[in-house]
C-alpha atoms as a PDB file:
ATOM      1  CA  MET A   1      30.115  19.844 -32.778  1.00  0.00           C
ATOM      2  CA  THR A   2      26.961  19.793 -30.064  1.00  0.00           C
ATOM      3  CA  ASN A   3      26.331  16.987 -28.246  1.00  0.00           C
ATOM      4  CA  PRO A   4      23.069  14.953 -28.296  1.00  0.00           C
ATOM      5  CA  PRO A   5      19.957  16.126 -25.751  1.00  0.00           C
ATOM      6  CA  GLY A   6      20.321  14.412 -22.573  1.00  0.00           C
ATOM      7  CA  ASP A   7      24.577  13.998 -22.915  1.00  0.00           C
ATOM      8  CA  ARG A   8      26.169  14.047 -19.475  1.00  0.00           C
ATOM      9  CA  ASN A   9      28.593  16.194 -21.128  1.00  0.00           C
ATOM     10  CA  GLN A  10      26.076  18.669 -22.752  1.00  0.00           C
ATOM     11  CA  PRO A  11      27.243  22.245 -22.365  1.00  0.00           C
ATOM     12  CA  GLY A  12      24.550  23.748 -19.716  1.00  0.00           C
ATOM     13  CA  MET A  13      23.936  20.540 -18.179  1.00  0.00           C
ATOM     14  CA  THR A  14      25.125  20.155 -14.391  1.00  0.00           C
ATOM     15  CA  ASP A  15      25.766  17.128 -12.621  1.00  0.00           C
ATOM     16  CA  LYS A  16      22.736  17.941 -10.503  1.00  0.00           C
ATOM     17  CA  GLU A  17      20.670  17.501 -13.580  1.00  0.00           C
ATOM     18  CA  THR A  18      22.369  14.505 -15.203  1.00  0.00           C
ATOM     19  CA  ASP A  19      22.321  12.549 -11.735  1.00  0.00           C
ATOM     20  CA  PRO A  20      20.553   9.129 -11.970  1.00  0.00           C
ATOM     21  CA  ALA A  21      19.922   8.904  -8.662  1.00  0.00           C
ATOM     22  CA  ARG A  22      17.611  12.013  -9.171  1.00  0.00           C
ATOM     23  CA  PRO A  23      15.467  10.933 -12.073  1.00  0.00           C
ATOM     24  CA  PHE A  24      13.583  14.140 -12.234  1.00  0.00           C
ATOM     25  CA  ALA A  25      15.897  16.797 -11.992  1.00  0.00           C
ATOM     26  CA  ALA A  26      16.090  17.667 -15.541  1.00  0.00           C
ATOM     27  CA  SER A  27      12.287  17.071 -16.210  1.00  0.00           C
ATOM     28  CA  PRO A  28       9.994  19.983 -17.272  1.00  0.00           C
ATOM     29  CA  VAL A  29       7.268  18.721 -14.941  1.00  0.00           C
ATOM     30  CA  SER A  30       7.035  20.262 -11.266  1.00  0.00           C
ATOM     31  CA  PRO A  31       7.512  18.157  -8.330  1.00  0.00           C
ATOM     32  CA  ALA A  32       4.014  19.118  -7.494  1.00  0.00           C
ATOM     33  CA  LEU A  33       2.785  17.237 -10.257  1.00  0.00           C
ATOM     34  CA  ILE A  34       5.023  14.361  -9.908  1.00  0.00           C
ATOM     35  CA  ASP A  35       3.951  13.866  -6.366  1.00  0.00           C
ATOM     36  CA  ALA A  36       0.053  14.297  -7.694  1.00  0.00           C
ATOM     37  CA  LEU A  37       0.790  11.900  -9.970  1.00  0.00           C
ATOM     38  CA  GLU A  38       2.195   9.076  -7.662  1.00  0.00           C
ATOM     39  CA  ALA A  39      -0.533   9.912  -5.367  1.00  0.00           C
ATOM     40  CA  THR A  40      -3.154   9.241  -8.255  1.00  0.00           C
ATOM     41  CA  MET A  41      -1.406   6.638  -9.663  1.00  0.00           C
ATOM     42  CA  LEU A  42      -1.481   4.624  -5.973  1.00  0.00           C
ATOM     43  CA  ARG A  43      -5.057   5.498  -5.336  1.00  0.00           C
ATOM     44  CA  LEU A  44      -6.766   4.405  -8.714  1.00  0.00           C
ATOM     45  CA  ILE A  45      -4.713   1.366  -7.906  1.00  0.00           C
ATOM     46  CA  SER A  46      -5.966   1.144  -4.889  1.00  0.00           C
ATOM     47  CA  GLU A  47      -9.512   1.310  -5.945  1.00  0.00           C
ATOM     48  CA  ARG A  48      -9.255  -1.060  -8.825  1.00  0.00           C
ATOM     49  CA  GLY A  49      -8.448  -3.626  -6.306  1.00  0.00           C
ATOM     50  CA  PRO A  50      -6.375  -6.866  -5.789  1.00  0.00           C
ATOM     51  CA  GLY A  51      -6.106  -8.619  -9.122  1.00  0.00           C
ATOM     52  CA  ARG A  52      -7.053  -5.798 -11.489  1.00  0.00           C
ATOM     53  CA  THR A  53      -4.567  -3.155 -13.152  1.00  0.00           C
ATOM     54  CA  ILE A  54      -4.508   0.313 -14.240  1.00  0.00           C
ATOM     55  CA  CYS A  55      -2.888   1.944 -17.318  1.00  0.00           C
ATOM     56  CA  PRO A  56      -0.511   4.477 -16.292  1.00  0.00           C
ATOM     57  CA  SER A  57      -2.060   6.949 -18.727  1.00  0.00           C
ATOM     58  CA  GLU A  58      -5.284   6.765 -16.362  1.00  0.00           C
ATOM     59  CA  ALA A  59      -3.151   8.489 -13.575  1.00  0.00           C
ATOM     60  CA  ALA A  60      -1.790  10.933 -15.977  1.00  0.00           C
ATOM     61  CA  ARG A  61      -5.203  11.918 -17.517  1.00  0.00           C
ATOM     62  CA  ALA A  62      -6.348  12.135 -14.130  1.00  0.00           C
ATOM     63  CA  VAL A  63      -4.027  14.413 -12.915  1.00  0.00           C
ATOM     64  CA  ALA A  64      -3.109  16.718 -16.132  1.00  0.00           C
ATOM     65  CA  GLY A  65      -6.335  16.491 -18.361  1.00  0.00           C
ATOM     66  CA  SER A  66      -8.088  14.228 -21.164  1.00  0.00           C
ATOM     67  CA  GLY A  67      -6.241  16.619 -24.085  1.00  0.00           C
ATOM     68  CA  THR A  68      -3.252  14.371 -25.403  1.00  0.00           C
ATOM     69  CA  ASP A  69      -1.029  17.402 -24.962  1.00  0.00           C
ATOM     70  CA  GLN A  70      -1.804  17.651 -21.359  1.00  0.00           C
ATOM     71  CA  TRP A  71      -1.053  13.972 -20.220  1.00  0.00           C
ATOM     72  CA  ALA A  72       1.180  12.793 -22.743  1.00  0.00           C
ATOM     73  CA  PRO A  73       4.523  14.977 -21.036  1.00  0.00           C
ATOM     74  CA  LEU A  74       3.669  12.829 -17.649  1.00  0.00           C
ATOM     75  CA  MET A  75       4.200   9.126 -19.131  1.00  0.00           C
ATOM     76  CA  GLN A  76       8.025   9.460 -18.946  1.00  0.00           C
ATOM     77  CA  PRO A  77       7.847  10.839 -15.327  1.00  0.00           C
ATOM     78  CA  ALA A  78       4.708   8.126 -14.712  1.00  0.00           C
ATOM     79  CA  ARG A  79       7.115   5.025 -15.706  1.00  0.00           C
ATOM     80  CA  LYS A  80      10.144   6.603 -13.302  1.00  0.00           C
ATOM     81  CA  ILE A  81       7.754   6.883 -10.665  1.00  0.00           C
ATOM     82  CA  ALA A  82       6.213   3.048 -11.433  1.00  0.00           C
ATOM     83  CA  ILE A  83       9.766   1.582 -11.325  1.00  0.00           C
ATOM     84  CA  ARG A  84      10.715   3.440  -8.025  1.00  0.00           C
ATOM     85  CA  LEU A  85       7.038   2.373  -6.426  1.00  0.00           C
ATOM     86  CA  MET A  86       7.935  -1.438  -7.489  1.00  0.00           C
ATOM     87  CA  LYS A  87      11.139  -1.297  -6.168  1.00  0.00           C
ATOM     88  CA  GLN A  88       9.807  -0.155  -3.006  1.00  0.00           C
ATOM     89  CA  GLY A  89       7.588  -3.295  -3.256  1.00  0.00           C
ATOM     90  CA  ARG A  90       4.407  -0.632  -3.284  1.00  0.00           C
ATOM     91  CA  LEU A  91       3.055  -1.620  -7.051  1.00  0.00           C
ATOM     92  CA  VAL A  92       3.677  -4.413  -9.420  1.00  0.00           C
ATOM     93  CA  ILE A  93       4.256  -3.397 -13.174  1.00  0.00           C
ATOM     94  CA  THR A  94       3.312  -6.154 -15.563  1.00  0.00           C
ATOM     95  CA  ARG A  95       3.232  -6.869 -19.091  1.00  0.00           C
ATOM     96  CA  LYS A  96       0.990  -9.471 -20.777  1.00  0.00           C
ATOM     97  CA  GLY A  97      -0.086 -10.320 -17.036  1.00  0.00           C
ATOM     98  CA  ARG A  98       2.851 -10.844 -15.863  1.00  0.00           C
ATOM     99  CA  ALA A  99       5.271  -8.915 -13.276  1.00  0.00           C
ATOM    100  CA  VAL A 100       8.446  -7.654 -15.182  1.00  0.00           C
ATOM    101  CA  ASP A 101      12.088  -6.774 -14.157  1.00  0.00           C
ATOM    102  CA  PRO A 102      11.764  -2.917 -13.448  1.00  0.00           C
ATOM    103  CA  ASP A 103      15.213  -2.438 -14.849  1.00  0.00           C
ATOM    104  CA  ASP A 104      14.466  -3.656 -17.567  1.00  0.00           C
ATOM    105  CA  PHE A 105      11.203  -4.187 -19.755  1.00  0.00           C
ATOM    106  CA  ARG A 106       9.467  -2.182 -22.521  1.00  0.00           C
ATOM    107  CA  GLY A 107       6.393  -1.347 -24.575  1.00  0.00           C
ATOM    108  CA  VAL A 108       3.139  -1.379 -23.213  1.00  0.00           C
ATOM    109  CA  TYR A 109       2.472  -2.094 -19.008  1.00  0.00           C
ATOM    110  CA  ARG A 110       0.346  -1.903 -16.559  1.00  0.00           C
ATOM    111  CA  LEU A 111       0.108  -1.191 -12.739  1.00  0.00           C
ATOM    112  CA  GLY A 112      -1.222  -3.188  -9.784  1.00  0.00           C
ATOM    113  CA  LEU A 113      -1.355  -3.880  -6.434  1.00  0.00           C
ATOM    114  CA  SER A 114       1.897  -5.446  -5.027  1.00  0.00           C
ATOM    115  CA  GLN A 115       1.460  -9.043  -3.415  1.00  0.00           C
ATOM    116  CA  ASP A 116       2.260  -7.288  -0.230  1.00  0.00           C
ATOM    117  CA  GLY A 117      -0.738  -5.356  -0.598  1.00  0.00           C
END
């Protein structure tokens, strides 16, 4: 019997690859691309200004290109980056115009400047 993908006990998966403190450890996206995505996200939010938001796909498209096969794989890393940055107070994740709990939100979301700037 095989374990489902992402199962912590999956053969061949090391603790380093499944450690929740390292959300990108098993990601096929390179660390350089993760850094570029984070920087682009923050730049676009800053350019948009207070009271305005961006879609995370805008950052993914800016980094990877406009073809769906290019930017779509960056959406899960973008979500993880957004959660981390919100917890650091560097941005706010909104849904239907309201800030969300970064540990418990679903569906379409947008990113904006935090109240702290």
